[in-house]
PDB file of N, CA and C in Angstrom:
ATOM      1  N   MET A   1       1.015  -1.115   0.115  1.00  0.00           N
ATOM      2  CA  MET A   1       0.099   0.249   0.126  1.00  0.00           C
ATOM      3  C   MET A   1       0.834   1.188  -0.084  1.00  0.00           C
ATOM      4  N   LEU A   2       1.832   1.314   0.784  1.00  0.00           N
ATOM      5  CA  LEU A   2       2.970   2.554   1.001  1.00  0.00           C
ATOM      6  C   LEU A   2       3.420   2.664  -0.340  1.00  0.00           C
ATOM      7  N   ARG A   3       4.276   1.788  -1.117  1.00  0.00           N
ATOM      8  CA  ARG A   3       4.634   1.684  -2.263  1.00  0.00           C
ATOM      9  C   ARG A   3       3.494   2.209  -3.327  1.00  0.00           C
ATOM     10  N   GLN A   4       2.472   1.800  -3.377  1.00  0.00           N
ATOM     11  CA  GLN A   4       1.450   2.070  -4.357  1.00  0.00           C
ATOM     12  C   GLN A   4       1.338   3.765  -4.168  1.00  0.00           C
ATOM     13  N   VAL A   5       1.036   4.113  -2.970  1.00  0.00           N
ATOM     14  CA  VAL A   5       1.003   5.599  -2.807  1.00  0.00           C
ATOM     15  C   VAL A   5       2.241   6.385  -3.152  1.00  0.00           C
ATOM     16  N   CYS A   6       3.142   5.928  -2.683  1.00  0.00           N
ATOM     17  CA  CYS A   6       4.529   6.816  -3.062  1.00  0.00           C
ATOM     18  C   CYS A   6       4.846   6.675  -4.558  1.00  0.00           C
ATOM     19  N   GLU A   7       4.460   5.717  -5.305  1.00  0.00           N
ATOM     20  CA  GLU A   7       4.475   5.677  -6.640  1.00  0.00           C
ATOM     21  C   GLU A   7       3.748   6.790  -7.224  1.00  0.00           C
ATOM     22  N   ARG A   8       2.333   6.660  -6.894  1.00  0.00           N
ATOM     23  CA  ARG A   8       1.168   7.616  -7.271  1.00  0.00           C
ATOM     24  C   ARG A   8       1.703   8.934  -7.246  1.00  0.00           C
ATOM     25  N   GLU A   9       2.314   9.381  -6.100  1.00  0.00           N
ATOM     26  CA  GLU A   9       2.550  10.624  -5.686  1.00  0.00           C
ATOM     27  C   GLU A   9       3.806  11.058  -5.976  1.00  0.00           C
ATOM     28  N   SER A  10       4.784  10.242  -6.720  1.00  0.00           N
ATOM     29  CA  SER A  10       5.992  10.549  -7.153  1.00  0.00           C
ATOM     30  C   SER A  10       7.035  10.757  -5.959  1.00  0.00           C
ATOM     31  N   TYR A  11       6.806   9.866  -5.044  1.00  0.00           N
ATOM     32  CA  TYR A  11       7.666   9.800  -3.792  1.00  0.00           C
ATOM     33  C   TYR A  11       8.649   8.587  -4.085  1.00  0.00           C
ATOM     34  N   ALA A  12       9.554   8.462  -3.252  1.00  0.00           N
ATOM     35  CA  ALA A  12      10.429   7.211  -3.111  1.00  0.00           C
ATOM     36  C   ALA A  12      10.580   6.963  -1.641  1.00  0.00           C
ATOM     37  N   ILE A  13      10.666   5.615  -1.270  1.00  0.00           N
ATOM     38  CA  ILE A  13      11.108   5.106  -0.245  1.00  0.00           C
ATOM     39  C   ILE A  13      12.688   4.957   0.156  1.00  0.00           C
ATOM     40  N   GLU A  14      12.999   5.826   1.202  1.00  0.00           N
ATOM     41  CA  GLU A  14      14.607   5.696   1.279  1.00  0.00           C
ATOM     42  C   GLU A  14      15.233   4.362   1.449  1.00  0.00           C
ATOM     43  N   SER A  15      14.756   3.559   2.111  1.00  0.00           N
ATOM     44  CA  SER A  15      15.067   2.038   2.109  1.00  0.00           C
ATOM     45  C   SER A  15      15.511   1.473   0.783  1.00  0.00           C
ATOM     46  N   ASP A  16      14.463   1.695  -0.135  1.00  0.00           N
ATOM     47  CA  ASP A  16      14.385   1.248  -1.184  1.00  0.00           C
ATOM     48  C   ASP A  16      15.644   1.751  -2.255  1.00  0.00           C
ATOM     49  N   LEU A  17      15.737   3.034  -1.898  1.00  0.00           N
ATOM     50  CA  LEU A  17      17.021   3.906  -2.713  1.00  0.00           C
ATOM     51  C   LEU A  17      18.383   3.386  -2.202  1.00  0.00           C
ATOM     52  N   ASP A  18      18.390   2.995  -0.871  1.00  0.00           N
ATOM     53  CA  ASP A  18      19.521   2.566  -0.346  1.00  0.00           C
ATOM     54  C   ASP A  18      19.830   1.327  -0.778  1.00  0.00           C
ATOM     55  N   GLN A  19      18.782   0.365  -0.927  1.00  0.00           N
ATOM     56  CA  GLN A  19      19.300  -1.045  -1.342  1.00  0.00           C
ATOM     57  C   GLN A  19      19.647  -0.820  -2.670  1.00  0.00           C
ATOM     58  N   LYS A  20      18.990  -0.089  -3.669  1.00  0.00           N
ATOM     59  CA  LYS A  20      19.548   0.113  -5.107  1.00  0.00           C
ATOM     60  C   LYS A  20      20.882   0.516  -5.210  1.00  0.00           C
ATOM     61  N   VAL A  21      21.106   1.463  -4.394  1.00  0.00           N
ATOM     62  CA  VAL A  21      22.346   2.204  -4.529  1.00  0.00           C
ATOM     63  C   VAL A  21      23.475   0.994  -4.000  1.00  0.00           C
ATOM     64  N   LYS A  22      23.186   0.257  -3.041  1.00  0.00           N
ATOM     65  CA  LYS A  22      24.215  -0.699  -2.243  1.00  0.00           C
ATOM     66  C   LYS A  22      24.495  -1.764  -3.427  1.00  0.00           C
ATOM     67  N   GLU A  23      23.340  -2.227  -3.979  1.00  0.00           N
ATOM     68  CA  GLU A  23      23.468  -3.312  -4.985  1.00  0.00           C
ATOM     69  C   GLU A  23      24.361  -2.899  -6.152  1.00  0.00           C
ATOM     70  N   LEU A  24      24.242  -1.504  -6.729  1.00  0.00           N
ATOM     71  CA  LEU A  24      25.022  -1.268  -7.912  1.00  0.00           C
ATOM     72  C   LEU A  24      26.617  -1.021  -7.272  1.00  0.00           C
ATOM     73  N   LEU A  25      26.801  -0.276  -6.236  1.00  0.00           N
ATOM     74  CA  LEU A  25      28.186  -0.204  -5.815  1.00  0.00           C
ATOM     75  C   LEU A  25      28.839  -1.327  -5.283  1.00  0.00           C
ATOM     76  N   ASP A  26      28.025  -2.285  -4.894  1.00  0.00           N
ATOM     77  CA  ASP A  26      28.398  -3.620  -4.442  1.00  0.00           C
ATOM     78  C   ASP A  26      28.950  -4.448  -5.813  1.00  0.00           C
ATOM     79  N   GLN A  27      28.286  -4.337  -6.879  1.00  0.00           N
ATOM     80  CA  GLN A  27      28.564  -4.805  -7.968  1.00  0.00           C
ATOM     81  C   GLN A  27      29.935  -4.065  -8.614  1.00  0.00           C
ATOM     82  N   PHE A  28      30.039  -2.931  -8.633  1.00  0.00           N
ATOM     83  CA  PHE A  28      31.028  -2.360  -9.169  1.00  0.00           C
ATOM     84  C   PHE A  28      32.099  -2.510  -8.302  1.00  0.00           C
ATOM     85  N   ALA A  29      32.287  -2.641  -6.994  1.00  0.00           N
ATOM     86  CA  ALA A  29      33.417  -3.025  -6.006  1.00  0.00           C
ATOM     87  C   ALA A  29      33.833  -4.290  -6.344  1.00  0.00           C
ATOM     88  N   HIS A  30      33.057  -5.210  -6.654  1.00  0.00           N
ATOM     89  CA  HIS A  30      33.380  -6.566  -7.072  1.00  0.00           C
ATOM     90  C   HIS A  30      33.800  -7.034  -8.364  1.00  0.00           C
ATOM     91  N   ASN A  31      33.662  -6.019  -9.258  1.00  0.00           N
ATOM     92  CA  ASN A  31      33.991  -6.125 -10.581  1.00  0.00           C
ATOM     93  C   ASN A  31      35.762  -6.278 -10.667  1.00  0.00           C
ATOM     94  N   ASP A  32      36.208  -5.140 -10.265  1.00  0.00           N
ATOM     95  CA  ASP A  32      37.584  -5.022 -10.002  1.00  0.00           C
ATOM     96  C   ASP A  32      38.429  -4.695  -8.730  1.00  0.00           C
ATOM     97  N   GLY A  33      37.613  -4.830  -7.789  1.00  0.00           N
ATOM     98  CA  GLY A  33      38.122  -4.542  -6.476  1.00  0.00           C
ATOM     99  C   GLY A  33      37.953  -3.054  -5.891  1.00  0.00           C
ATOM    100  N   HIS A  34      37.393  -2.319  -6.672  1.00  0.00           N
ATOM    101  CA  HIS A  34      37.323  -0.673  -6.108  1.00  0.00           C
ATOM    102  C   HIS A  34      36.231  -0.054  -6.872  1.00  0.00           C
ATOM    103  N   ILE A  35      35.933   1.132  -6.462  1.00  0.00           N
ATOM    104  CA  ILE A  35      34.859   2.030  -7.126  1.00  0.00           C
ATOM    105  C   ILE A  35      35.641   3.361  -7.691  1.00  0.00           C
ATOM    106  N   ASP A  36      35.435   3.515  -8.872  1.00  0.00           N
ATOM    107  CA  ASP A  36      36.278   4.656  -9.434  1.00  0.00           C
ATOM    108  C   ASP A  36      35.215   5.884  -9.599  1.00  0.00           C
ATOM    109  N   LYS A  37      35.922   7.023  -9.811  1.00  0.00           N
ATOM    110  CA  LYS A  37      35.045   8.045 -10.226  1.00  0.00           C
ATOM    111  C   LYS A  37      33.799   8.074 -11.203  1.00  0.00           C
ATOM    112  N   LYS A  38      34.150   7.358 -12.320  1.00  0.00           N
ATOM    113  CA  LYS A  38      32.819   7.065 -13.217  1.00  0.00           C
ATOM    114  C   LYS A  38      31.583   6.314 -12.678  1.00  0.00           C
ATOM    115  N   GLU A  39      32.136   5.300 -12.020  1.00  0.00           N
ATOM    116  CA  GLU A  39      31.314   4.139 -11.265  1.00  0.00           C
ATOM    117  C   GLU A  39      30.356   5.058 -10.324  1.00  0.00           C
ATOM    118  N   PHE A  40      31.043   5.923  -9.588  1.00  0.00           N
ATOM    119  CA  PHE A  40      30.430   6.727  -8.385  1.00  0.00           C
ATOM    120  C   PHE A  40      29.546   7.599  -9.053  1.00  0.00           C
ATOM    121  N   ASP A  41      30.088   8.218 -10.179  1.00  0.00           N
ATOM    122  CA  ASP A  41      28.889   9.331 -10.869  1.00  0.00           C
ATOM    123  C   ASP A  41      27.801   8.636 -11.369  1.00  0.00           C
ATOM    124  N   ASP A  42      27.920   7.456 -12.185  1.00  0.00           N
ATOM    125  CA  ASP A  42      26.881   6.624 -12.598  1.00  0.00           C
ATOM    126  C   ASP A  42      25.928   6.396 -11.517  1.00  0.00           C
ATOM    127  N   THR A  43      26.408   5.855 -10.271  1.00  0.00           N
ATOM    128  CA  THR A  43      25.537   5.437  -9.194  1.00  0.00           C
ATOM    129  C   THR A  43      24.828   6.702  -8.642  1.00  0.00           C
ATOM    130  N   VAL A  44      25.336   7.940  -8.515  1.00  0.00           N
ATOM    131  CA  VAL A  44      24.655   9.175  -8.039  1.00  0.00           C
ATOM    132  C   VAL A  44      23.656   9.391  -9.135  1.00  0.00           C
ATOM    133  N   ALA A  45      23.723   9.241 -10.455  1.00  0.00           N
ATOM    134  CA  ALA A  45      22.785   9.561 -11.533  1.00  0.00           C
ATOM    135  C   ALA A  45      21.430   8.765 -11.277  1.00  0.00           C
ATOM    136  N   VAL A  46      22.009   7.356 -11.005  1.00  0.00           N
ATOM    137  CA  VAL A  46      20.795   6.495 -10.853  1.00  0.00           C
ATOM    138  C   VAL A  46      20.004   6.870  -9.652  1.00  0.00           C
ATOM    139  N   LEU A  47      20.796   7.446  -8.388  1.00  0.00           N
ATOM    140  CA  LEU A  47      20.013   7.598  -7.150  1.00  0.00           C
ATOM    141  C   LEU A  47      19.176   8.946  -7.497  1.00  0.00           C
ATOM    142  N   TYR A  48      19.910   9.838  -8.272  1.00  0.00           N
ATOM    143  CA  TYR A  48      19.069  10.946  -8.319  1.00  0.00           C
ATOM    144  C   TYR A  48      17.897  10.884  -9.330  1.00  0.00           C
ATOM    145  N   LYS A  49      17.853  10.003 -10.262  1.00  0.00           N
ATOM    146  CA  LYS A  49      16.452   9.526 -10.970  1.00  0.00           C
ATOM    147  C   LYS A  49      15.716   8.772 -10.094  1.00  0.00           C
ATOM    148  N   ALA A  50      16.175   7.759  -9.386  1.00  0.00           N
ATOM    149  CA  ALA A  50      15.168   6.959  -8.558  1.00  0.00           C
ATOM    150  C   ALA A  50      14.559   7.721  -7.397  1.00  0.00           C
ATOM    151  N   ALA A  51      15.192   8.858  -7.019  1.00  0.00           N
ATOM    152  CA  ALA A  51      14.715   9.604  -5.945  1.00  0.00           C
ATOM    153  C   ALA A  51      13.635  10.619  -6.522  1.00  0.00           C
ATOM    154  N   LYS A  52      13.411  10.648  -7.959  1.00  0.00           N
ATOM    155  CA  LYS A  52      12.512  11.458  -8.569  1.00  0.00           C
ATOM    156  C   LYS A  52      12.904  12.949  -8.413  1.00  0.00           C
ATOM    157  N   ASN A  53      14.194  13.151  -8.277  1.00  0.00           N
ATOM    158  CA  ASN A  53      14.489  14.605  -8.249  1.00  0.00           C
ATOM    159  C   ASN A  53      14.074  15.128  -7.048  1.00  0.00           C
ATOM    160  N   ARG A  54      13.687  14.439  -5.868  1.00  0.00           N
ATOM    161  CA  ARG A  54      13.357  15.168  -4.560  1.00  0.00           C
ATOM    162  C   ARG A  54      14.681  15.064  -3.751  1.00  0.00           C
ATOM    163  N   LEU A  55      15.908  14.671  -4.202  1.00  0.00           N
ATOM    164  CA  LEU A  55      17.321  14.639  -3.364  1.00  0.00           C
ATOM    165  C   LEU A  55      17.859  15.587  -4.262  1.00  0.00           C
ATOM    166  N   SER A  56      18.646  16.589  -3.726  1.00  0.00           N
ATOM    167  CA  SER A  56      19.635  17.160  -4.519  1.00  0.00           C
ATOM    168  C   SER A  56      20.946  16.147  -5.101  1.00  0.00           C
ATOM    169  N   GLU A  57      21.623  16.646  -6.123  1.00  0.00           N
ATOM    170  CA  GLU A  57      22.726  15.825  -6.346  1.00  0.00           C
ATOM    171  C   GLU A  57      23.588  15.542  -5.183  1.00  0.00           C
ATOM    172  N   ILE A  58      23.814  16.986  -4.409  1.00  0.00           N
ATOM    173  CA  ILE A  58      24.870  16.888  -3.383  1.00  0.00           C
ATOM    174  C   ILE A  58      24.472  15.779  -2.440  1.00  0.00           C
ATOM    175  N   LEU A  59      23.081  15.514  -1.859  1.00  0.00           N
ATOM    176  CA  LEU A  59      22.726  14.697  -0.952  1.00  0.00           C
ATOM    177  C   LEU A  59      22.841  13.449  -1.752  1.00  0.00           C
ATOM    178  N   CYS A  60      22.774  13.177  -2.881  1.00  0.00           N
ATOM    179  CA  CYS A  60      22.860  11.904  -3.335  1.00  0.00           C
ATOM    180  C   CYS A  60      24.354  11.442  -3.350  1.00  0.00           C
ATOM    181  N   ARG A  61      25.319  12.242  -3.611  1.00  0.00           N
ATOM    182  CA  ARG A  61      26.530  12.029  -3.728  1.00  0.00           C
ATOM    183  C   ARG A  61      27.000  11.605  -2.023  1.00  0.00           C
ATOM    184  N   LYS A  62      26.553  12.333  -1.135  1.00  0.00           N
ATOM    185  CA  LYS A  62      26.806  12.195   0.368  1.00  0.00           C
ATOM    186  C   LYS A  62      26.215  10.741   0.794  1.00  0.00           C
ATOM    187  N   LYS A  63      25.065  10.580   0.136  1.00  0.00           N
ATOM    188  CA  LYS A  63      24.270   9.171   0.501  1.00  0.00           C
ATOM    189  C   LYS A  63      25.232   8.185  -0.106  1.00  0.00           C
ATOM    190  N   ALA A  64      25.542   8.370  -1.331  1.00  0.00           N
ATOM    191  CA  ALA A  64      26.552   7.057  -2.177  1.00  0.00           C
ATOM    192  C   ALA A  64      27.733   7.142  -1.141  1.00  0.00           C
ATOM    193  N   LYS A  65      28.500   8.277  -0.657  1.00  0.00           N
ATOM    194  CA  LYS A  65      29.690   8.075   0.090  1.00  0.00           C
ATOM    195  C   LYS A  65      29.420   7.532   1.314  1.00  0.00           C
ATOM    196  N   GLU A  66      28.294   7.748   1.955  1.00  0.00           N
ATOM    197  CA  GLU A  66      28.031   7.128   3.399  1.00  0.00           C
ATOM    198  C   GLU A  66      27.835   5.427   3.301  1.00  0.00           C
ATOM    199  N   ILE A  67      27.293   5.058   2.041  1.00  0.00           N
ATOM    200  CA  ILE A  67      27.061   3.509   1.706  1.00  0.00           C
ATOM    201  C   ILE A  67      28.550   3.047   1.367  1.00  0.00           C
ATOM    202  N   ILE A  68      29.335   3.535   0.834  1.00  0.00           N
ATOM    203  CA  ILE A  68      30.634   3.158   0.517  1.00  0.00           C
ATOM    204  C   ILE A  68      31.344   3.059   1.695  1.00  0.00           C
ATOM    205  N   LEU A  69      31.294   4.027   2.515  1.00  0.00           N
ATOM    206  CA  LEU A  69      32.125   3.992   3.836  1.00  0.00           C
ATOM    207  C   LEU A  69      31.630   2.722   4.846  1.00  0.00           C
ATOM    208  N   ALA A  70      30.246   2.699   4.610  1.00  0.00           N
ATOM    209  CA  ALA A  70      29.888   1.682   5.575  1.00  0.00           C
ATOM    210  C   ALA A  70      29.988   0.384   5.387  1.00  0.00           C
ATOM    211  N   ASN A  71      30.311   0.226   3.863  1.00  0.00           N
ATOM    212  CA  ASN A  71      30.583  -1.278   3.522  1.00  0.00           C
ATOM    213  C   ASN A  71      32.131  -1.506   3.321  1.00  0.00           C
ATOM    214  N   LYS A  72      32.691  -0.353   3.627  1.00  0.00           N
ATOM    215  CA  LYS A  72      34.396  -0.494   3.654  1.00  0.00           C
ATOM    216  C   LYS A  72      34.966  -0.803   2.209  1.00  0.00           C
ATOM    217  N   TRP A  73      34.183  -0.249   1.137  1.00  0.00           N
ATOM    218  CA  TRP A  73      34.673  -0.547  -0.266  1.00  0.00           C
ATOM    219  C   TRP A  73      35.789   0.311  -0.671  1.00  0.00           C
ATOM    220  N   ARG A  74      36.732  -0.170  -1.525  1.00  0.00           N
ATOM    221  CA  ARG A  74      37.752   0.605  -1.652  1.00  0.00           C
ATOM    222  C   ARG A  74      37.442   1.816  -2.911  1.00  0.00           C
ATOM    223  N   VAL A  75      38.051   2.857  -2.885  1.00  0.00           N
ATOM    224  CA  VAL A  75      37.674   3.715  -3.901  1.00  0.00           C
ATOM    225  C   VAL A  75      39.361   4.260  -4.465  1.00  0.00           C
ATOM    226  N   ARG A  76      39.148   4.187  -5.867  1.00  0.00           N
ATOM    227  CA  ARG A  76      40.365   4.658  -6.426  1.00  0.00           C
ATOM    228  C   ARG A  76      40.193   6.302  -6.870  1.00  0.00           C
ATOM    229  N   GLU A  77      41.312   6.665  -6.251  1.00  0.00           N
ATOM    230  CA  GLU A  77      41.455   8.012  -6.528  1.00  0.00           C
ATOM    231  C   GLU A  77      42.642   8.404  -7.243  1.00  0.00           C
ATOM    232  N   GLY A  78      42.764   9.147  -8.313  1.00  0.00           N
ATOM    233  CA  GLY A  78      43.920   9.370  -8.980  1.00  0.00           C
ATOM    234  C   GLY A  78      44.915  10.500  -8.426  1.00  0.00           C
ATOM    235  N   PHE A  79      46.079  10.693  -9.153  1.00  0.00           N
ATOM    236  CA  PHE A  79      47.030  11.468  -8.704  1.00  0.00           C
ATOM    237  C   PHE A  79      46.894  12.989  -9.495  1.00  0.00           C
ATOM    238  N   MET A  80      46.374  12.895 -10.444  1.00  0.00           N
ATOM    239  CA  MET A  80      46.318  14.125 -11.369  1.00  0.00           C
ATOM    240  C   MET A  80      45.008  14.855 -10.830  1.00  0.00           C
ATOM    241  N   LYS A  81      44.861  15.972 -11.616  1.00  0.00           N
ATOM    242  CA  LYS A  81      43.622  16.882 -11.430  1.00  0.00           C
ATOM    243  C   LYS A  81      42.430  16.325 -11.174  1.00  0.00           C
ATOM    244  N   GLY A  82      41.769  16.592 -10.079  1.00  0.00           N
ATOM    245  CA  GLY A  82      40.457  16.055  -9.396  1.00  0.00           C
ATOM    246  C   GLY A  82      40.941  14.678  -8.921  1.00  0.00           C
ATOM    247  N   GLY A  83      41.930  14.407  -8.453  1.00  0.00           N
ATOM    248  CA  GLY A  83      42.419  13.151  -8.002  1.00  0.00           C
ATOM    249  C   GLY A  83      41.705  12.618  -6.724  1.00  0.00           C
ATOM    250  N   ASN A  84      41.492  13.717  -5.806  1.00  0.00           N
ATOM    251  CA  ASN A  84      40.931  13.615  -4.518  1.00  0.00           C
ATOM    252  C   ASN A  84      39.321  13.630  -4.406  1.00  0.00           C
ATOM    253  N   TRP A  85      38.795  13.414  -5.477  1.00  0.00           N
ATOM    254  CA  TRP A  85      37.355  13.487  -5.870  1.00  0.00           C
ATOM    255  C   TRP A  85      36.678  12.966  -4.679  1.00  0.00           C
ATOM    256  N   PHE A  86      36.932  11.818  -4.087  1.00  0.00           N
ATOM    257  CA  PHE A  86      36.044  11.199  -3.094  1.00  0.00           C
ATOM    258  C   PHE A  86      36.199  11.861  -1.748  1.00  0.00           C
ATOM    259  N   SER A  87      37.565  12.218  -1.449  1.00  0.00           N
ATOM    260  CA  SER A  87      37.794  12.795  -0.216  1.00  0.00           C
ATOM    261  C   SER A  87      37.041  14.306  -0.274  1.00  0.00           C
ATOM    262  N   ASN A  88      36.963  14.817  -1.262  1.00  0.00           N
ATOM    263  CA  ASN A  88      36.226  16.224  -1.441  1.00  0.00           C
ATOM    264  C   ASN A  88      34.527  16.334  -1.298  1.00  0.00           C
ATOM    265  N   ILE A  89      34.086  14.954  -1.246  1.00  0.00           N
ATOM    266  CA  ILE A  89      32.552  14.962  -1.077  1.00  0.00           C
ATOM    267  C   ILE A  89      32.241  15.233   0.226  1.00  0.00           C
TER     268      ILE A  89
END
């Protein structure tokens, strides 16, 4: 019932968003042992769309970062321009 109302009113359930993001990041983390910037950005885009634009991109980035840290997945940061992308979120 709650899911139907949320769908009808264009809302999203936070636990569903968290689960979707966790599954996506888990897949990225297990592909090659880490999450890179492109994979992170793709995850944020999926989260933003799933949240039906009710969360800002900044909040989506913070939520994805929290999930990465909670699961202790490794993140690849480069040494060149924009290398500390994850630390700067």
